Protein backbone atom coordinates (compact mmCIF):
# COMPACT_ATOMS: atom_id res chain seq x y z
CA MET A 1 -34.76 15.44 -29.78
CA ALA A 2 -35.68 14.27 -33.27
CA ARG A 3 -33.40 12.20 -35.49
CA ASP A 4 -34.52 13.97 -38.69
CA GLY A 5 -36.84 16.64 -40.04
CA GLU A 6 -39.82 14.34 -40.53
CA GLN A 7 -39.67 13.11 -36.96
CA GLY A 8 -39.18 16.70 -35.80
CA VAL A 9 -42.45 17.76 -37.42
CA GLU A 10 -44.27 14.72 -35.99
CA MET A 11 -42.93 15.43 -32.50
CA PHE A 12 -43.80 19.13 -32.84
CA ARG A 13 -47.41 18.32 -33.66
CA GLU A 14 -47.65 15.74 -30.87
CA LEU A 15 -45.77 17.51 -28.07
CA LYS A 16 -46.65 21.13 -28.86
CA PRO A 17 -43.41 22.53 -27.43
CA ASP A 18 -43.07 26.06 -26.08
CA LEU A 19 -39.90 26.69 -28.11
CA VAL A 20 -37.96 24.82 -30.81
CA LEU A 21 -34.23 24.83 -31.54
CA MET A 22 -33.74 23.14 -34.91
CA ASP A 23 -30.86 22.47 -37.26
CA VAL A 24 -31.13 23.70 -40.84
CA ASN A 25 -29.43 20.58 -42.22
CA MET A 26 -31.24 17.37 -41.33
CA PRO A 27 -31.84 14.06 -43.10
CA ARG A 28 -35.18 13.13 -44.73
CA MET A 29 -36.52 16.70 -44.58
CA LYS A 30 -34.55 19.92 -44.61
CA GLY A 31 -34.88 22.16 -41.60
CA THR A 32 -36.30 24.94 -43.75
CA GLU A 33 -39.10 22.64 -44.93
CA ALA A 34 -39.77 21.42 -41.36
CA LEU A 35 -39.79 25.05 -40.19
CA LYS A 36 -42.48 25.94 -42.70
CA LEU A 37 -44.68 23.02 -41.63
CA MET A 38 -44.21 23.79 -37.94
CA HIS A 39 -44.92 27.47 -38.45
CA GLU A 40 -48.11 26.66 -40.38
CA ALA A 41 -49.26 24.36 -37.56
CA SER A 42 -48.44 26.84 -34.78
CA PRO A 43 -47.38 30.31 -35.96
CA ASN A 44 -46.89 31.61 -32.42
CA THR A 45 -44.37 28.97 -31.33
CA PRO A 46 -40.88 30.49 -31.42
CA ILE A 47 -38.55 28.47 -33.63
CA ILE A 48 -34.82 29.16 -33.59
CA MET A 49 -32.73 27.75 -36.40
CA LEU A 50 -29.24 26.45 -35.65
CA THR A 51 -26.62 25.90 -38.32
CA SER A 52 -23.01 26.12 -39.35
CA LEU A 53 -23.99 27.85 -42.61
CA VAL A 54 -23.30 31.51 -43.16
CA ALA A 55 -25.24 31.84 -46.40
CA THR A 56 -27.38 34.97 -46.21
CA ASP A 57 -30.04 33.46 -48.49
CA VAL A 58 -30.60 30.59 -46.02
CA VAL A 59 -30.91 33.04 -43.11
CA VAL A 60 -33.43 35.13 -45.05
CA GLU A 61 -35.38 32.03 -46.09
CA CYS A 62 -35.64 30.88 -42.46
CA LEU A 63 -36.68 34.29 -41.16
CA ASP A 64 -39.21 34.70 -43.97
CA ALA A 65 -40.62 31.25 -43.15
CA GLY A 66 -41.25 32.22 -39.54
CA ALA A 67 -38.06 31.54 -37.60
CA ARG A 68 -37.71 33.94 -34.68
CA ASN A 69 -33.94 33.74 -34.56
CA TYR A 70 -30.99 32.14 -36.29
CA LEU A 71 -27.90 30.89 -34.46
CA ARG A 72 -24.62 29.63 -35.77
CA LYS A 73 -23.19 26.49 -34.20
CA ASP A 74 -19.93 28.28 -33.49
CA THR A 75 -21.69 30.91 -31.34
CA PRO A 76 -20.10 30.87 -27.88
CA PRO A 77 -22.36 29.02 -25.40
CA LYS A 78 -22.92 32.06 -23.19
CA GLU A 79 -24.01 34.16 -26.18
CA MET A 80 -26.19 31.30 -27.45
CA ARG A 81 -27.99 31.12 -24.09
CA THR A 82 -28.50 34.88 -24.17
CA LEU A 83 -29.97 34.80 -27.68
CA ILE A 84 -32.30 31.93 -26.80
CA ARG A 85 -33.40 33.72 -23.63
CA GLU A 86 -33.99 36.97 -25.55
CA THR A 87 -36.06 35.12 -28.15
CA TRP A 88 -38.13 33.52 -25.39
CA ASN A 89 -38.62 36.83 -23.59
CA GLU A 90 -39.81 38.50 -26.80
CA HIS A 91 -42.30 35.67 -27.25
CA VAL A 92 -43.62 36.08 -23.69
CA ARG A 93 -43.94 39.86 -24.09
CA ALA A 94 -45.88 39.41 -27.33
CA LYS A 95 -48.26 36.93 -25.67
CA LYS A 96 -48.87 39.34 -22.78
CA SER A 97 -49.46 42.20 -25.17
CA LYS A 98 -52.04 40.17 -27.13
CA LYS A 99 -53.87 39.29 -23.91
CA GLN A 100 -53.96 42.96 -22.88
CA ASP A 101 -55.36 43.93 -26.28
CA LEU A 102 -58.32 41.60 -25.80
């Protein structure tokens, strides 16, 4: 868990996680900026943005920048787990499909 966006990007590059759940609003570097840097470094890593914002422009910006999903903080926990699992499963299917195409 990173304390801010800058540390999040550093940890992402160092740890190379399989999946990222990241807040849009963070100190020192906005989540949207961190998302762009992470996506550039590893475009296949699924990144899910988490926020309390409902602004459509922020959702579109995140999805355009490479986020695989976007969750609101007030999403019920059961639904949040389902959405994270679905995002992960889509990622795994895409990886398998790429391997089969080779």
